[in-house]
């Protein structure tokens, strides 16, 4: 069983930056992909970014491409989502996902 814990959310002004973290732990298991999703109030959960751990290959939703960057820490089982030039429409609960496992989410609020 994989456990995921997100952190780093908070309140940020439009145009600012924030870095989310996802700590991956659990049984001996090497997930191939770590995904980031988000869910805004009244909306469905949507894909944000994907990181392939073997080589760092990334994939992004069009809405965040060029502004968000997914990466992996060198020494720890931690994945980051660097959010730059944030917009009010980025406001959502952000979730980390590996296969069928989900974290509890971290709230990101962007003020205009």
Protein backbone atom coordinates (compact mmCIF):
# COMPACT_ATOMS: atom_id res chain seq x y z
CA UNK A 1 0.00 0.00 0.00
CA UNK A 2 1.33 3.41 -0.96
CA UNK A 3 0.81 6.38 1.34
CA UNK A 4 0.87 9.93 0.04
CA UNK A 5 1.02 13.14 2.07
CA UNK A 6 0.76 16.53 0.41
CA UNK A 7 1.96 19.79 1.95
CA UNK A 8 2.86 23.32 0.97
CA UNK A 9 -0.54 24.75 0.18
CA UNK A 10 -1.65 28.18 1.34
CA UNK A 11 -2.77 31.63 0.32
CA UNK A 12 -0.83 33.40 -2.43
CA UNK A 13 -1.43 36.49 -4.52
CA UNK A 14 -1.99 36.25 -8.24
CA UNK A 15 1.33 36.23 -10.05
CA UNK A 16 3.11 34.67 -7.09
CA UNK A 17 4.63 31.25 -6.56
CA UNK A 18 4.06 28.24 -4.36
CA UNK A 19 5.69 24.83 -4.11
CA UNK A 20 3.69 21.76 -3.18
CA UNK A 21 5.29 18.58 -1.89
CA UNK A 22 4.11 14.98 -1.98
CA UNK A 23 5.83 12.51 0.34
CA UNK A 24 5.56 8.94 -0.97
CA UNK A 25 5.92 6.05 1.48
CA UNK A 26 4.65 2.55 2.18
CA UNK A 27 5.47 -0.95 1.06
CA UNK A 28 8.50 -1.53 -1.08
CA UNK A 29 7.18 -0.29 -4.34
CA UNK A 30 8.52 1.96 -7.03
CA UNK A 31 5.70 3.81 -8.71
CA UNK A 32 6.39 4.61 -12.31
CA UNK A 33 4.30 7.77 -12.40
CA UNK A 34 3.27 10.34 -9.83
CA UNK A 35 0.35 12.53 -10.79
CA UNK A 36 -1.03 15.83 -9.53
CA UNK A 37 -4.75 16.56 -9.72
CA UNK A 38 -6.84 19.43 -8.40
CA UNK A 39 -10.45 20.01 -7.51
CA UNK A 40 -12.04 23.43 -7.30
CA UNK A 41 -15.32 24.01 -5.42
CA UNK A 42 -18.26 22.74 -7.41
CA UNK A 43 -16.05 21.23 -10.11
CA UNK A 44 -14.78 17.78 -10.93
CA UNK A 45 -11.26 16.70 -10.11
CA UNK A 46 -8.96 17.45 -13.01
CA UNK A 47 -5.50 16.38 -14.11
CA UNK A 48 -2.70 18.89 -13.58
CA UNK A 49 0.66 17.20 -14.10
CA UNK A 50 2.42 13.86 -14.37
CA UNK A 51 6.01 12.94 -13.55
CA UNK A 52 7.68 9.74 -14.73
CA UNK A 53 10.12 8.87 -11.97
CA UNK A 54 12.53 6.84 -14.07
CA UNK A 55 13.66 9.72 -16.24
CA UNK A 56 11.82 12.84 -15.10
CA UNK A 57 9.58 13.00 -18.15
CA UNK A 58 6.64 15.30 -17.48
CA UNK A 59 3.22 15.98 -18.92
CA UNK A 60 0.97 18.93 -18.11
CA UNK A 61 -2.56 20.13 -18.57
CA UNK A 62 -2.78 22.96 -21.08
CA UNK A 63 -4.05 25.29 -18.36
CA UNK A 64 -0.80 25.06 -16.38
CA UNK A 65 1.76 24.40 -19.11
CA UNK A 66 4.66 26.84 -18.88
CA UNK A 67 3.73 27.86 -15.33
CA UNK A 68 3.87 24.64 -13.28
CA UNK A 69 6.77 22.22 -13.01
CA UNK A 70 6.73 18.71 -11.52
CA UNK A 71 10.01 17.32 -10.24
CA UNK A 72 11.51 14.79 -7.86
CA UNK A 73 13.80 15.43 -4.92
CA UNK A 74 17.19 13.79 -5.30
CA UNK A 75 17.50 11.90 -2.05
CA UNK A 76 13.99 11.40 -0.73
CA UNK A 77 10.73 9.91 -1.93
CA UNK A 78 9.31 13.36 -2.44
CA UNK A 79 7.78 14.89 -5.52
CA UNK A 80 7.28 18.61 -5.99
CA UNK A 81 4.87 20.77 -7.94
CA UNK A 82 6.35 24.22 -8.43
CA UNK A 83 3.58 26.68 -9.23
CA UNK A 84 4.61 29.99 -10.77
CA UNK A 85 2.59 32.91 -12.13
CA UNK A 86 -0.46 31.57 -10.32
CA UNK A 87 -3.94 32.77 -11.23
CA UNK A 88 -7.19 32.92 -9.23
CA UNK A 89 -8.47 30.03 -11.33
CA UNK A 90 -5.69 27.86 -9.88
CA UNK A 91 -7.54 27.94 -6.55
CA UNK A 92 -8.33 24.33 -5.63
CA UNK A 93 -7.44 21.42 -3.41
CA UNK A 94 -4.40 19.76 -4.93
CA UNK A 95 -3.95 15.99 -4.70
CA UNK A 96 -1.05 13.66 -5.27
CA UNK A 97 -1.84 10.31 -6.93
CA UNK A 98 0.01 7.06 -7.52
CA UNK A 99 -2.05 4.33 -9.22
CA UNK A 100 -5.12 3.97 -6.97
CA UNK A 101 -3.64 5.80 -3.96
CA UNK A 102 -4.51 9.41 -3.15
CA UNK A 103 -3.27 11.88 -0.60
CA UNK A 104 -5.54 13.95 1.61
CA UNK A 105 -5.01 17.07 -0.48
CA UNK A 106 -3.64 20.53 0.24
CA UNK A 107 -5.59 23.75 -0.27
CA UNK A 108 -4.23 26.41 -2.60
CA UNK A 109 -5.99 29.77 -2.66
CA UNK A 110 -4.96 32.48 -5.10
CA UNK A 111 -6.20 35.99 -4.41
CA UNK A 112 -6.75 38.48 -7.21
